[in-house]
Amino acid sequence: MFFLIAYISSVVLINYAFSSAPHLDVIWSAWGGLVFILRDMVQTRFGHGALIAMLAALVLSYITSEPAIALASATAFAVSECIDWLVFTLTKRPLHDRLWLSSALSIPIDTFIFFGMIGALTPAVVGTAMASKFAGVTVVWLAMAWRVRKRVVTG
């Protein structure tokens, strides 16, 4: 339940932050890495329920943020969530590999859609967003891979 609440809250707060202080877009773009990690954790725990969490976050974002920010977020999340769904549905790789693969495919697309739609597609913002997102998912991947190896060795 923690990851679900943290995911919804983070989406709403980051969209509010982009709406209220767009000049700090590099800072907010770094925060985006956390949202991807939380989304993956919600995906692993609730499966397709992650879509309901995403919809709740986007409705709350529309209420609390500028409509253009909420629309950009909804569009980017919809596209990246479809990519994640395809990876999780079609591949039979271990969970930690599916998390990294889905992120490798969806992070660049999500980043370009969101920042392109809000007019903040600058090298600094894109670089920060992608670096934070890939760093976050890599940490999660390493932790999950370590747990799998530990189980194999002790099991």
C-alpha atoms as a PDB file:
ATOM      1  CA  MET A   1       0.000   0.000   0.000  1.00  0.00           C
ATOM      2  CA  PHE A   2       2.951   2.299   0.704  1.00  0.00           C
ATOM      3  CA  PHE A   3       4.133   2.208  -2.923  1.00  0.00           C
ATOM      4  CA  LEU A   4       0.617   2.875  -4.219  1.00  0.00           C
ATOM      5  CA  ILE A   5       0.158   5.976  -2.052  1.00  0.00           C
ATOM      6  CA  ALA A   6       3.711   7.155  -2.740  1.00  0.00           C
ATOM      7  CA  TYR A   7       3.214   6.707  -6.496  1.00  0.00           C
ATOM      8  CA  ILE A   8      -0.065   8.622  -6.688  1.00  0.00           C
ATOM      9  CA  SER A   9       1.253  11.362  -4.389  1.00  0.00           C
ATOM     10  CA  SER A  10       4.480  11.730  -6.339  1.00  0.00           C
ATOM     11  CA  VAL A  11       2.716  12.096  -9.681  1.00  0.00           C
ATOM     12  CA  VAL A  12       0.384  14.741  -8.254  1.00  0.00           C
ATOM     13  CA  LEU A  13       3.175  16.611  -6.463  1.00  0.00           C
ATOM     14  CA  ILE A  14       5.576  16.596  -9.398  1.00  0.00           C
ATOM     15  CA  ASN A  15       2.871  17.881 -11.751  1.00  0.00           C
ATOM     16  CA  TYR A  16       1.984  20.575  -9.210  1.00  0.00           C
ATOM     17  CA  ALA A  17       5.677  21.492  -8.928  1.00  0.00           C
ATOM     18  CA  PHE A  18       6.016  21.856 -12.710  1.00  0.00           C
ATOM     19  CA  SER A  19       2.891  24.045 -12.697  1.00  0.00           C
ATOM     20  CA  SER A  20       3.851  26.274  -9.795  1.00  0.00           C
ATOM     21  CA  ALA A  21       7.605  26.668 -10.385  1.00  0.00           C
ATOM     22  CA  PRO A  22       8.421  25.823 -14.011  1.00  0.00           C
ATOM     23  CA  HIS A  23      11.769  27.645 -13.775  1.00  0.00           C
ATOM     24  CA  LEU A  24      12.965  24.779 -11.543  1.00  0.00           C
ATOM     25  CA  ASP A  25      12.300  22.220 -14.277  1.00  0.00           C
ATOM     26  CA  VAL A  26      15.734  20.609 -13.915  1.00  0.00           C
ATOM     27  CA  ILE A  27      15.016  19.873 -10.231  1.00  0.00           C
ATOM     28  CA  TRP A  28      11.548  18.509 -10.979  1.00  0.00           C
ATOM     29  CA  SER A  29      12.933  16.414 -13.840  1.00  0.00           C
ATOM     30  CA  ALA A  30      15.358  14.738 -11.404  1.00  0.00           C
ATOM     31  CA  TRP A  31      12.392  13.851  -9.186  1.00  0.00           C
ATOM     32  CA  GLY A  32      10.882  12.015 -12.157  1.00  0.00           C
ATOM     33  CA  GLY A  33      13.197   9.072 -11.547  1.00  0.00           C
ATOM     34  CA  LEU A  34      11.382   8.313  -8.324  1.00  0.00           C
ATOM     35  CA  VAL A  35       8.030   8.214 -10.109  1.00  0.00           C
ATOM     36  CA  PHE A  36       9.264   5.493 -12.477  1.00  0.00           C
ATOM     37  CA  ILE A  37      10.561   3.379  -9.606  1.00  0.00           C
ATOM     38  CA  LEU A  38       7.287   3.748  -7.734  1.00  0.00           C
ATOM     39  CA  ARG A  39       5.291   2.917 -10.865  1.00  0.00           C
ATOM     40  CA  ASP A  40       7.298  -0.260 -11.319  1.00  0.00           C
ATOM     41  CA  MET A  41       6.712  -1.243  -7.688  1.00  0.00           C
ATOM     42  CA  VAL A  42       2.963  -0.623  -8.083  1.00  0.00           C
ATOM     43  CA  GLN A  43       3.033  -2.631 -11.326  1.00  0.00           C
ATOM     44  CA  THR A  44       4.700  -5.594  -9.615  1.00  0.00           C
ATOM     45  CA  ARG A  45       2.306  -5.550  -6.643  1.00  0.00           C
ATOM     46  CA  PHE A  46      -0.997  -4.640  -8.300  1.00  0.00           C
ATOM     47  CA  GLY A  47      -0.523  -5.693 -11.937  1.00  0.00           C
ATOM     48  CA  HIS A  48      -3.077  -4.004 -14.158  1.00  0.00           C
ATOM     49  CA  GLY A  49      -4.314  -2.109 -11.091  1.00  0.00           C
ATOM     50  CA  ALA A  50      -1.407   0.220 -11.819  1.00  0.00           C
ATOM     51  CA  LEU A  51      -3.580   1.711 -14.553  1.00  0.00           C
ATOM     52  CA  ILE A  52      -6.228   2.660 -11.983  1.00  0.00           C
ATOM     53  CA  ALA A  53      -3.534   4.252  -9.817  1.00  0.00           C
ATOM     54  CA  MET A  54      -2.280   6.185 -12.841  1.00  0.00           C
ATOM     55  CA  LEU A  55      -5.792   7.412 -13.633  1.00  0.00           C
ATOM     56  CA  ALA A  56      -6.332   8.516 -10.030  1.00  0.00           C
ATOM     57  CA  ALA A  57      -3.019  10.394 -10.073  1.00  0.00           C
ATOM     58  CA  LEU A  58      -3.858  12.082 -13.349  1.00  0.00           C
ATOM     59  CA  VAL A  59      -7.347  13.153 -12.224  1.00  0.00           C
ATOM     60  CA  LEU A  60      -5.845  14.645  -9.069  1.00  0.00           C
ATOM     61  CA  SER A  61      -3.143  16.292 -11.196  1.00  0.00           C
ATOM     62  CA  TYR A  62      -5.764  17.859 -13.430  1.00  0.00           C
ATOM     63  CA  ILE A  63      -7.450  19.334 -10.333  1.00  0.00           C
ATOM     64  CA  THR A  64      -4.239  20.599  -8.705  1.00  0.00           C
ATOM     65  CA  SER A  65      -2.034  21.500 -11.685  1.00  0.00           C
ATOM     66  CA  GLU A  66      -2.236  23.415 -14.908  1.00  0.00           C
ATOM     67  CA  PRO A  67      -4.329  21.489 -17.427  1.00  0.00           C
ATOM     68  CA  ALA A  68      -1.446  21.511 -19.952  1.00  0.00           C
ATOM     69  CA  ILE A  69       0.858  19.842 -17.409  1.00  0.00           C
ATOM     70  CA  ALA A  70      -1.787  17.263 -16.516  1.00  0.00           C
ATOM     71  CA  LEU A  71      -2.423  16.534 -20.207  1.00  0.00           C
ATOM     72  CA  ALA A  72       1.299  16.146 -20.930  1.00  0.00           C
ATOM     73  CA  SER A  73       1.663  13.862 -17.930  1.00  0.00           C
ATOM     74  CA  ALA A  74      -1.365  11.799 -18.940  1.00  0.00           C
ATOM     75  CA  THR A  75      -0.135  11.424 -22.501  1.00  0.00           C
ATOM     76  CA  ALA A  76       3.417  10.493 -21.509  1.00  0.00           C
ATOM     77  CA  PHE A  77       2.240   8.059 -18.847  1.00  0.00           C
ATOM     78  CA  ALA A  78      -0.307   6.450 -21.158  1.00  0.00           C
ATOM     79  CA  VAL A  79       2.311   5.773 -23.810  1.00  0.00           C
ATOM     80  CA  SER A  80       4.966   4.564 -21.367  1.00  0.00           C
ATOM     81  CA  GLU A  81       2.439   2.461 -19.455  1.00  0.00           C
ATOM     82  CA  CYS A  82       1.435   0.745 -22.705  1.00  0.00           C
ATOM     83  CA  ILE A  83       5.092  -0.033 -23.368  1.00  0.00           C
ATOM     84  CA  ASP A  84       5.458  -1.398 -19.828  1.00  0.00           C
ATOM     85  CA  TRP A  85       2.315  -3.481 -20.204  1.00  0.00           C
ATOM     86  CA  LEU A  86       3.615  -4.985 -23.450  1.00  0.00           C
ATOM     87  CA  VAL A  87       6.987  -5.832 -21.917  1.00  0.00           C
ATOM     88  CA  PHE A  88       5.441  -7.318 -18.774  1.00  0.00           C
ATOM     89  CA  THR A  89       2.854  -9.263 -20.790  1.00  0.00           C
ATOM     90  CA  LEU A  90       4.935 -10.528 -23.686  1.00  0.00           C
ATOM     91  CA  THR A  91       8.280 -11.304 -22.091  1.00  0.00           C
ATOM     92  CA  LYS A  92       8.920 -14.175 -19.759  1.00  0.00           C
ATOM     93  CA  ARG A  93      12.198 -12.825 -18.419  1.00  0.00           C
ATOM     94  CA  PRO A  94      12.716 -12.578 -14.648  1.00  0.00           C
ATOM     95  CA  LEU A  95      10.940  -9.656 -13.019  1.00  0.00           C
ATOM     96  CA  HIS A  96      14.059  -7.557 -12.497  1.00  0.00           C
ATOM     97  CA  ASP A  97      14.936  -7.891 -16.207  1.00  0.00           C
ATOM     98  CA  ARG A  98      11.415  -6.925 -17.254  1.00  0.00           C
ATOM     99  CA  LEU A  99      11.601  -3.830 -15.045  1.00  0.00           C
ATOM    100  CA  TRP A 100      14.836  -2.696 -16.648  1.00  0.00           C
ATOM    101  CA  LEU A 101      13.762  -3.564 -20.185  1.00  0.00           C
ATOM    102  CA  SER A 102      10.435  -1.787 -19.859  1.00  0.00           C
ATOM    103  CA  SER A 103      12.182   1.259 -18.433  1.00  0.00           C
ATOM    104  CA  ALA A 104      14.827   1.262 -21.157  1.00  0.00           C
ATOM    105  CA  LEU A 105      12.050   1.437 -23.730  1.00  0.00           C
ATOM    106  CA  SER A 106       9.587   3.735 -21.954  1.00  0.00           C
ATOM    107  CA  ILE A 107      11.824   6.290 -20.219  1.00  0.00           C
ATOM    108  CA  PRO A 108      13.104   8.056 -23.359  1.00  0.00           C
ATOM    109  CA  ILE A 109       9.657   8.125 -24.939  1.00  0.00           C
ATOM    110  CA  ASP A 110       7.977   9.361 -21.747  1.00  0.00           C
ATOM    111  CA  THR A 111      10.643  12.042 -21.290  1.00  0.00           C
ATOM    112  CA  PHE A 112      10.392  13.416 -24.820  1.00  0.00           C
ATOM    113  CA  ILE A 113       6.589  13.402 -24.839  1.00  0.00           C
ATOM    114  CA  PHE A 114       6.191  15.140 -21.467  1.00  0.00           C
ATOM    115  CA  PHE A 115       8.870  17.797 -21.872  1.00  0.00           C
ATOM    116  CA  GLY A 116       8.000  18.340 -25.521  1.00  0.00           C
ATOM    117  CA  MET A 117       4.350  18.967 -24.674  1.00  0.00           C
ATOM    118  CA  ILE A 118       5.159  21.468 -21.906  1.00  0.00           C
ATOM    119  CA  GLY A 119       7.799  23.298 -23.956  1.00  0.00           C
ATOM    120  CA  ALA A 120      10.737  22.343 -21.718  1.00  0.00           C
ATOM    121  CA  LEU A 121      12.603  20.052 -24.068  1.00  0.00           C
ATOM    122  CA  THR A 122      16.121  21.295 -23.296  1.00  0.00           C
ATOM    123  CA  PRO A 123      19.300  19.223 -23.079  1.00  0.00           C
ATOM    124  CA  ALA A 124      19.670  19.933 -19.345  1.00  0.00           C
ATOM    125  CA  VAL A 125      16.120  18.892 -18.509  1.00  0.00           C
ATOM    126  CA  VAL A 126      16.107  15.825 -20.758  1.00  0.00           C
ATOM    127  CA  GLY A 127      19.545  14.746 -19.553  1.00  0.00           C
ATOM    128  CA  THR A 128      18.637  15.171 -15.897  1.00  0.00           C
ATOM    129  CA  ALA A 129      15.308  13.381 -16.293  1.00  0.00           C
ATOM    130  CA  MET A 130      16.765  10.443 -18.166  1.00  0.00           C
ATOM    131  CA  ALA A 131      19.792  10.132 -15.873  1.00  0.00           C
ATOM    132  CA  SER A 132      17.655  10.137 -12.726  1.00  0.00           C
ATOM    133  CA  LYS A 133      15.161   7.676 -14.168  1.00  0.00           C
ATOM    134  CA  PHE A 134      17.828   5.259 -15.403  1.00  0.00           C
ATOM    135  CA  ALA A 135      19.814   5.578 -12.170  1.00  0.00           C
ATOM    136  CA  GLY A 136      16.726   4.780 -10.125  1.00  0.00           C
ATOM    137  CA  VAL A 137      15.675   1.785 -12.157  1.00  0.00           C
ATOM    138  CA  THR A 138      19.241   0.479 -12.200  1.00  0.00           C
ATOM    139  CA  VAL A 139      19.398   0.614  -8.384  1.00  0.00           C
ATOM    140  CA  VAL A 140      16.119  -1.313  -8.201  1.00  0.00           C
ATOM    141  CA  TRP A 141      17.369  -3.797 -10.816  1.00  0.00           C
ATOM    142  CA  LEU A 142      20.605  -4.388  -8.891  1.00  0.00           C
ATOM    143  CA  ALA A 143      18.733  -4.886  -5.606  1.00  0.00           C
ATOM    144  CA  MET A 144      16.300  -7.338  -7.180  1.00  0.00           C
ATOM    145  CA  ALA A 145      19.074  -9.229  -9.015  1.00  0.00           C
ATOM    146  CA  TRP A 146      21.049  -9.478  -5.769  1.00  0.00           C
ATOM    147  CA  ARG A 147      17.999 -10.909  -3.978  1.00  0.00           C
ATOM    148  CA  VAL A 148      17.500 -13.491  -6.736  1.00  0.00           C
ATOM    149  CA  ARG A 149      21.167 -14.547  -6.594  1.00  0.00           C
ATOM    150  CA  LYS A 150      21.054 -14.709  -2.798  1.00  0.00           C
ATOM    151  CA  ARG A 151      18.004 -17.026  -2.952  1.00  0.00           C
ATOM    152  CA  VAL A 152      19.743 -19.278  -5.482  1.00  0.00           C
ATOM    153  CA  VAL A 153      22.869 -19.531  -3.326  1.00  0.00           C
ATOM    154  CA  THR A 154      21.009 -20.128  -0.059  1.00  0.00           C
ATOM    155  CA  GLY A 155      18.156 -22.153  -1.552  1.00  0.00           C
END
